[in-house]
């Protein structure tokens, strides 16, 4: 059964520790990026909500205008009488 010399064991342990530090740093960076993406997603969702709200208002305005045009057309038809 192979054995480690104390120096080899300490060197391997040190490499493992360095790798763990790198992984911890990468995890922290990824966590930060995820947080930033979450903020961007919230901003896009808010913009979408505002766009939906504006579109709903525009749909209402277009409906009102269509009703006004229809009313004017009917009034003109009554004024002109049968052709």
N, C-alpha and C. Protein backbone atom coordinates (compact mmCIF):
# COMPACT_ATOMS: atom_id res chain seq x y z
N UNK A 1 0.85 -1.17 0.00
CA UNK A 1 0.00 0.00 0.00
C UNK A 1 0.90 1.23 0.00
N UNK A 2 0.69 2.14 -0.99
CA UNK A 2 1.55 3.32 -1.05
C UNK A 2 1.26 4.26 0.11
N UNK A 3 2.29 4.91 0.53
CA UNK A 3 2.14 5.88 1.63
C UNK A 3 2.66 7.22 1.15
N UNK A 4 2.16 8.26 1.76
CA UNK A 4 2.62 9.61 1.47
C UNK A 4 3.71 9.99 2.45
N UNK A 5 4.65 10.66 1.94
CA UNK A 5 5.62 11.29 2.83
C UNK A 5 4.93 12.52 3.40
N UNK A 6 5.32 12.95 4.57
CA UNK A 6 4.67 14.12 5.17
C UNK A 6 4.71 15.34 4.24
N UNK A 7 5.81 15.54 3.53
CA UNK A 7 5.92 16.69 2.64
C UNK A 7 4.93 16.57 1.48
N UNK A 8 4.80 15.35 0.93
CA UNK A 8 3.86 15.12 -0.17
C UNK A 8 2.43 15.35 0.29
N UNK A 9 2.15 14.86 1.48
CA UNK A 9 0.80 15.02 2.01
C UNK A 9 0.49 16.50 2.22
N UNK A 10 1.42 17.24 2.79
CA UNK A 10 1.19 18.67 3.02
C UNK A 10 1.06 19.43 1.70
N UNK A 11 1.85 19.05 0.71
CA UNK A 11 1.76 19.71 -0.60
C UNK A 11 0.39 19.42 -1.24
N UNK A 12 -0.05 18.18 -1.16
CA UNK A 12 -1.36 17.82 -1.71
C UNK A 12 -2.47 18.55 -0.97
N UNK A 13 -2.35 18.63 0.33
CA UNK A 13 -3.33 19.34 1.15
C UNK A 13 -3.36 20.83 0.79
N UNK A 14 -2.20 21.40 0.55
CA UNK A 14 -2.11 22.81 0.17
C UNK A 14 -2.76 23.04 -1.20
N UNK A 15 -2.53 22.13 -2.15
CA UNK A 15 -3.16 22.26 -3.47
C UNK A 15 -4.68 22.17 -3.35
N UNK A 16 -5.12 21.25 -2.55
CA UNK A 16 -6.56 21.10 -2.32
C UNK A 16 -7.14 22.37 -1.71
N UNK A 17 -6.45 22.95 -0.76
CA UNK A 17 -6.88 24.19 -0.12
C UNK A 17 -6.94 25.33 -1.15
N UNK A 18 -5.94 25.44 -2.02
CA UNK A 18 -5.91 26.49 -3.04
C UNK A 18 -7.08 26.31 -4.02
N UNK A 19 -7.33 25.06 -4.40
CA UNK A 19 -8.46 24.80 -5.29
C UNK A 19 -9.78 25.19 -4.63
N UNK A 20 -9.90 24.88 -3.36
CA UNK A 20 -11.12 25.22 -2.63
C UNK A 20 -11.32 26.74 -2.57
N UNK A 21 -10.22 27.47 -2.36
CA UNK A 21 -10.30 28.93 -2.35
C UNK A 21 -10.78 29.46 -3.71
N UNK A 22 -10.24 28.90 -4.80
CA UNK A 22 -10.65 29.31 -6.14
C UNK A 22 -12.13 29.02 -6.37
N UNK A 23 -12.58 27.85 -5.95
CA UNK A 23 -13.98 27.49 -6.11
C UNK A 23 -14.87 28.42 -5.29
N UNK A 24 -14.45 28.72 -4.09
CA UNK A 24 -15.23 29.64 -3.25
C UNK A 24 -15.34 31.02 -3.91
N UNK A 25 -14.25 31.48 -4.51
CA UNK A 25 -14.26 32.78 -5.19
C UNK A 25 -15.18 32.73 -6.41
N UNK A 26 -15.12 31.63 -7.16
CA UNK A 26 -15.99 31.50 -8.33
C UNK A 26 -17.46 31.47 -7.91
N UNK A 27 -17.75 30.78 -6.83
CA UNK A 27 -19.13 30.72 -6.33
C UNK A 27 -19.60 32.11 -5.92
N UNK A 28 -18.74 32.86 -5.26
CA UNK A 28 -19.11 34.23 -4.85
C UNK A 28 -19.36 35.10 -6.08
N UNK A 29 -18.51 34.98 -7.10
CA UNK A 29 -18.70 35.76 -8.32
C UNK A 29 -19.99 35.38 -9.03
N UNK A 30 -20.26 34.09 -9.10
CA UNK A 30 -21.50 33.63 -9.73
C UNK A 30 -22.72 34.11 -8.95
N UNK A 31 -22.62 34.10 -7.63
CA UNK A 31 -23.71 34.61 -6.81
C UNK A 31 -23.98 36.07 -7.09
N UNK A 32 -22.92 36.84 -7.25
CA UNK A 32 -23.06 38.26 -7.57
C UNK A 32 -23.70 38.44 -8.94
N UNK A 33 -23.27 37.65 -9.92
CA UNK A 33 -23.84 37.73 -11.26
C UNK A 33 -25.32 37.35 -11.24
N UNK A 34 -25.66 36.34 -10.48
CA UNK A 34 -27.06 35.92 -10.37
C UNK A 34 -27.89 37.06 -9.78
N UNK A 35 -27.35 37.72 -8.77
CA UNK A 35 -28.05 38.86 -8.19
C UNK A 35 -28.26 39.98 -9.20
N UNK A 36 -27.24 40.26 -10.00
CA UNK A 36 -27.35 41.29 -11.03
C UNK A 36 -28.40 40.90 -12.08
N UNK A 37 -28.38 39.63 -12.47
CA UNK A 37 -29.37 39.16 -13.43
C UNK A 37 -30.78 39.25 -12.86
N UNK A 38 -30.91 38.96 -11.58
CA UNK A 38 -32.22 39.08 -10.93
C UNK A 38 -32.73 40.50 -10.98
N UNK A 39 -31.83 41.47 -10.75
CA UNK A 39 -32.22 42.88 -10.83
C UNK A 39 -32.64 43.24 -12.25
N UNK A 40 -31.89 42.76 -13.24
CA UNK A 40 -32.23 43.06 -14.64
C UNK A 40 -33.57 42.44 -15.01
N UNK A 41 -33.81 41.23 -14.55
CA UNK A 41 -35.08 40.56 -14.83
C UNK A 41 -36.23 41.36 -14.22
N UNK A 42 -36.04 41.86 -13.01
CA UNK A 42 -37.07 42.67 -12.37
C UNK A 42 -37.32 43.94 -13.16
N UNK A 43 -36.27 44.56 -13.68
CA UNK A 43 -36.43 45.77 -14.48
C UNK A 43 -37.21 45.48 -15.77
N UNK A 44 -36.86 44.38 -16.44
CA UNK A 44 -37.54 44.01 -17.67
C UNK A 44 -39.00 43.68 -17.39
N UNK A 45 -39.26 43.00 -16.30
CA UNK A 45 -40.64 42.68 -15.93
C UNK A 45 -41.43 43.96 -15.68
N UNK A 46 -40.84 44.93 -15.01
CA UNK A 46 -41.50 46.20 -14.75
C UNK A 46 -41.76 46.94 -16.06
N UNK A 47 -40.78 46.94 -16.96
CA UNK A 47 -40.98 47.58 -18.26
C UNK A 47 -42.11 46.89 -19.03
N UNK A 48 -42.17 45.59 -18.95
CA UNK A 48 -43.25 44.84 -19.61
C UNK A 48 -44.60 45.20 -19.02
N UNK A 49 -44.67 45.32 -17.70
CA UNK A 49 -45.92 45.70 -17.04
C UNK A 49 -46.36 47.09 -17.49
N UNK A 50 -45.41 48.03 -17.54
CA UNK A 50 -45.73 49.39 -17.98
C UNK A 50 -46.17 49.41 -19.44
N UNK A 51 -45.52 48.61 -20.28
CA UNK A 51 -45.91 48.52 -21.68
C UNK A 51 -47.32 47.97 -21.81
N UNK A 52 -47.62 46.93 -21.05
CA UNK A 52 -48.98 46.36 -21.07
C UNK A 52 -50.01 47.40 -20.67
N UNK A 53 -49.67 48.18 -19.65
CA UNK A 53 -50.57 49.23 -19.17
C UNK A 53 -50.81 50.27 -20.27
N UNK A 54 -49.74 50.71 -20.92
CA UNK A 54 -49.88 51.69 -22.00
C UNK A 54 -50.68 51.12 -23.17
N UNK A 55 -50.41 49.86 -23.51
CA UNK A 55 -51.16 49.23 -24.60
C UNK A 55 -52.64 49.13 -24.27
N UNK A 56 -52.96 48.82 -23.04
CA UNK A 56 -54.36 48.75 -22.62
C UNK A 56 -55.02 50.11 -22.77
N UNK A 57 -54.33 51.18 -22.39
CA UNK A 57 -54.88 52.52 -22.55
C UNK A 57 -55.08 52.85 -24.03
N UNK A 58 -54.10 52.49 -24.85
CA UNK A 58 -54.22 52.74 -26.29
C UNK A 58 -55.39 51.96 -26.89
N UNK A 59 -55.56 50.74 -26.47
CA UNK A 59 -56.69 49.94 -26.97
C UNK A 59 -58.00 50.62 -26.61
N UNK A 60 -58.08 51.14 -25.38
CA UNK A 60 -59.28 51.86 -24.97
C UNK A 60 -59.51 53.11 -25.81
N UNK A 61 -58.44 53.85 -26.08
CA UNK A 61 -58.56 55.06 -26.90
C UNK A 61 -59.01 54.71 -28.32
N UNK A 62 -58.42 53.69 -28.91
CA UNK A 62 -58.79 53.27 -30.26
C UNK A 62 -60.26 52.83 -30.28
N UNK A 63 -60.68 52.13 -29.25
CA UNK A 63 -62.09 51.72 -29.16
C UNK A 63 -63.01 52.92 -29.09
N UNK A 64 -62.63 53.91 -28.27
CA UNK A 64 -63.42 55.14 -28.17
C UNK A 64 -63.49 55.85 -29.51
N UNK A 65 -62.34 55.96 -30.20
CA UNK A 65 -62.31 56.61 -31.51
C UNK A 65 -63.18 55.87 -32.53
N UNK A 66 -63.13 54.56 -32.50
CA UNK A 66 -63.95 53.77 -33.42
C UNK A 66 -65.43 54.02 -33.14
N UNK A 67 -65.78 54.11 -31.87
CA UNK A 67 -67.17 54.40 -31.51
C UNK A 67 -67.59 55.78 -31.98
N UNK A 68 -66.71 56.77 -31.86
CA UNK A 68 -67.02 58.13 -32.32
C UNK A 68 -67.20 58.15 -33.84
N UNK A 69 -66.30 57.48 -34.56
CA UNK A 69 -66.41 57.42 -36.02
C UNK A 69 -67.72 56.74 -36.41
N UNK A 70 -68.06 55.65 -35.77
CA UNK A 70 -69.29 54.92 -36.06
C UNK A 70 -70.49 55.82 -35.82
N UNK A 71 -70.47 56.57 -34.72
CA UNK A 71 -71.56 57.48 -34.39
C UNK A 71 -71.70 58.57 -35.45
N UNK A 72 -70.58 59.13 -35.90
CA UNK A 72 -70.62 60.17 -36.92
C UNK A 72 -71.12 59.60 -38.25
N UNK A 73 -70.71 58.41 -38.59
CA UNK A 73 -71.18 57.78 -39.82
C UNK A 73 -72.70 57.59 -39.78
N UNK A 74 -73.20 57.13 -38.63
CA UNK A 74 -74.64 56.92 -38.49
C UNK A 74 -75.38 58.25 -38.59
N UNK A 75 -74.84 59.29 -37.99
CA UNK A 75 -75.46 60.61 -38.04
C UNK A 75 -75.51 61.11 -39.48
N UNK A 76 -74.39 60.94 -40.21
CA UNK A 76 -74.35 61.36 -41.61
C UNK A 76 -75.38 60.59 -42.44
N UNK A 77 -75.52 59.31 -42.19
CA UNK A 77 -76.49 58.49 -42.91
C UNK A 77 -77.90 58.99 -42.66
N UNK A 78 -78.19 59.37 -41.41
CA UNK A 78 -79.52 59.90 -41.09
C UNK A 78 -79.75 61.25 -41.77
N UNK A 79 -78.70 62.09 -41.79
CA UNK A 79 -78.84 63.40 -42.41
C UNK A 79 -79.00 63.29 -43.93
N UNK A 80 -78.27 62.38 -44.54
CA UNK A 80 -78.33 62.23 -45.99
C UNK A 80 -79.62 61.52 -46.43
N UNK A 81 -80.16 60.72 -45.55
CA UNK A 81 -81.37 59.99 -45.88
C UNK A 81 -81.07 58.87 -46.87
N UNK A 82 -82.12 58.15 -47.27
CA UNK A 82 -81.90 57.06 -48.22
C UNK A 82 -81.48 57.61 -49.59
N UNK A 83 -80.59 56.91 -50.18
CA UNK A 83 -80.05 57.38 -51.47
C UNK A 83 -80.94 57.04 -52.62
